[in-house]
Amino acid sequence: MTTFAPLTLRGLPRETAARQPLCADIDGFSLHAAVRIEAHDYKQLEQLCRYITRPALSDERVQLDAAGQVELKLKTPWRDETTHLVMSLLEFMQRLAVLVLRRRPHPLTAASGS
């Protein structure tokens, strides 16, 4: 399989946010372990569920440019000031396909031989 390196577009540098306790930001993923909801706060629970089940890409941030390439606007600029990724339609589809988990048999059913 051929690997592709997307064209990156850079903007102005941004200031890095101060780290909060119980938060981690690793390889583009962030975890906020300080988030908690009271037992009967259903409105906040619904808001959290909507947040964690949102789609990975917003329709507003993905578009085709005049050359027919996919232009993906990043939600926040990267540390190297990259604001957009530009790639071919095929490369974009390959990158999306990697995000889909491969089905695996459940370990208990696989061990029982059924």
Protein backbone atom coordinates (compact mmCIF):
# COMPACT_ATOMS: atom_id res chain seq x y z
CA MET A 1 0.00 0.00 0.00
CA THR A 2 1.31 3.41 -0.91
CA THR A 3 1.58 5.97 1.87
CA PHE A 4 0.73 9.58 1.19
CA ALA A 5 1.81 12.77 2.88
CA PRO A 6 -0.91 15.43 2.66
CA LEU A 7 -0.08 18.99 1.79
CA THR A 8 -0.30 21.10 4.94
CA LEU A 9 -1.27 24.76 5.02
CA ARG A 10 0.06 26.83 7.89
CA GLY A 11 -1.32 29.94 9.52
CA LEU A 12 -0.20 32.15 12.36
CA PRO A 13 1.23 30.54 15.51
CA ARG A 14 -1.20 30.03 18.36
CA GLU A 15 -0.54 30.15 22.05
CA THR A 16 -0.58 26.81 23.80
CA ALA A 17 -3.24 26.41 26.45
CA ALA A 18 -2.19 25.80 30.02
CA ARG A 19 -2.46 22.19 31.14
CA GLN A 20 -5.30 21.41 33.51
CA PRO A 21 -5.16 18.80 36.26
CA LEU A 22 -6.43 15.33 35.25
CA CYS A 23 -6.14 16.16 31.54
CA ALA A 24 -3.92 14.57 28.91
CA ASP A 25 -3.26 15.46 25.29
CA ILE A 26 -1.39 12.72 23.43
CA ASP A 27 -1.01 12.26 19.67
CA GLY A 28 -3.94 14.54 18.88
CA PHE A 29 -6.32 12.89 21.35
CA SER A 30 -7.35 14.55 24.58
CA LEU A 31 -8.74 12.99 27.75
CA HIS A 32 -10.40 15.03 30.47
CA ALA A 33 -10.67 12.77 33.50
CA ALA A 34 -11.91 15.68 35.62
CA VAL A 35 -15.32 15.62 33.89
CA ARG A 36 -18.04 14.32 36.18
CA ILE A 37 -21.80 14.54 36.44
CA GLU A 38 -24.03 14.37 39.48
CA ALA A 39 -26.21 11.26 39.80
CA HIS A 40 -29.53 12.82 38.73
CA ASP A 41 -28.30 15.57 36.39
CA TYR A 42 -29.88 14.17 33.24
CA LYS A 43 -29.44 17.36 31.24
CA GLN A 44 -25.66 17.30 31.75
CA LEU A 45 -25.58 13.54 31.06
CA GLU A 46 -27.39 14.10 27.76
CA GLN A 47 -24.96 16.89 26.86
CA LEU A 48 -21.97 14.63 27.61
CA CYS A 49 -23.47 11.76 25.58
CA ARG A 50 -24.05 14.09 22.63
CA TYR A 51 -20.46 15.31 22.90
CA ILE A 52 -18.83 11.87 22.96
CA THR A 53 -21.03 10.52 20.13
CA ARG A 54 -20.49 13.42 17.74
CA PRO A 55 -19.03 12.59 14.33
CA ALA A 56 -15.26 12.63 13.86
CA LEU A 57 -15.46 15.16 11.02
CA SER A 58 -17.77 18.12 10.64
CA ASP A 59 -19.35 18.66 7.21
CA GLU A 60 -18.36 22.32 7.43
CA ARG A 61 -14.66 21.44 7.69
CA VAL A 62 -14.42 19.12 4.64
CA GLN A 63 -14.71 20.41 1.08
CA LEU A 64 -13.43 19.83 -2.44
CA ASP A 65 -11.19 22.53 -3.89
CA ALA A 66 -11.13 23.69 -7.53
CA ALA A 67 -8.57 20.97 -8.41
CA GLY A 68 -10.83 18.22 -7.05
CA GLN A 69 -8.73 17.60 -3.94
CA VAL A 70 -10.14 17.28 -0.43
CA GLU A 71 -9.41 20.21 1.83
CA LEU A 72 -9.82 19.44 5.53
CA LYS A 73 -9.82 22.42 7.87
CA LEU A 74 -8.44 21.43 11.26
CA LYS A 75 -10.53 22.24 14.30
CA THR A 76 -7.52 23.88 15.95
CA PRO A 77 -4.13 24.59 14.37
CA TRP A 78 -1.35 22.12 15.05
CA ARG A 79 1.77 23.11 16.95
CA ASP A 80 3.60 23.62 13.65
CA GLU A 81 0.84 26.11 12.66
CA THR A 82 -0.85 23.76 10.14
CA THR A 83 -4.47 24.86 9.63
CA HIS A 84 -5.58 22.66 6.68
CA LEU A 85 -4.75 19.31 5.12
CA VAL A 86 -5.06 18.96 1.35
CA MET A 87 -5.10 15.48 -0.22
CA SER A 88 -6.51 13.55 -3.13
CA LEU A 89 -9.95 11.99 -2.84
CA LEU A 90 -8.37 8.51 -2.86
CA GLU A 91 -5.99 9.40 -0.03
CA PHE A 92 -8.85 10.88 1.98
CA MET A 93 -10.87 7.66 1.57
CA GLN A 94 -7.84 5.57 2.57
CA ARG A 95 -7.40 7.63 5.73
CA LEU A 96 -11.10 7.27 6.58
CA ALA A 97 -10.95 3.51 6.01
CA VAL A 98 -8.20 3.18 8.61
CA LEU A 99 -10.55 4.67 11.22
CA VAL A 100 -13.04 1.82 10.77
CA LEU A 101 -12.25 -0.99 13.19
CA ARG A 102 -11.86 -4.46 11.77
CA ARG A 103 -14.43 -6.93 13.12
CA ARG A 104 -12.93 -9.49 15.45
CA PRO A 105 -14.61 -12.46 17.09
CA HIS A 106 -15.49 -12.01 20.74
CA PRO A 107 -12.75 -13.68 22.83
CA LEU A 108 -15.19 -15.91 24.74
CA THR A 109 -16.95 -17.24 21.63
CA ALA A 110 -13.65 -17.70 19.81
CA ALA A 111 -12.23 -19.72 22.72
CA SER A 112 -15.28 -22.00 22.94
CA GLY A 113 -15.03 -22.89 19.23
CA SER A 114 -18.63 -21.93 18.42
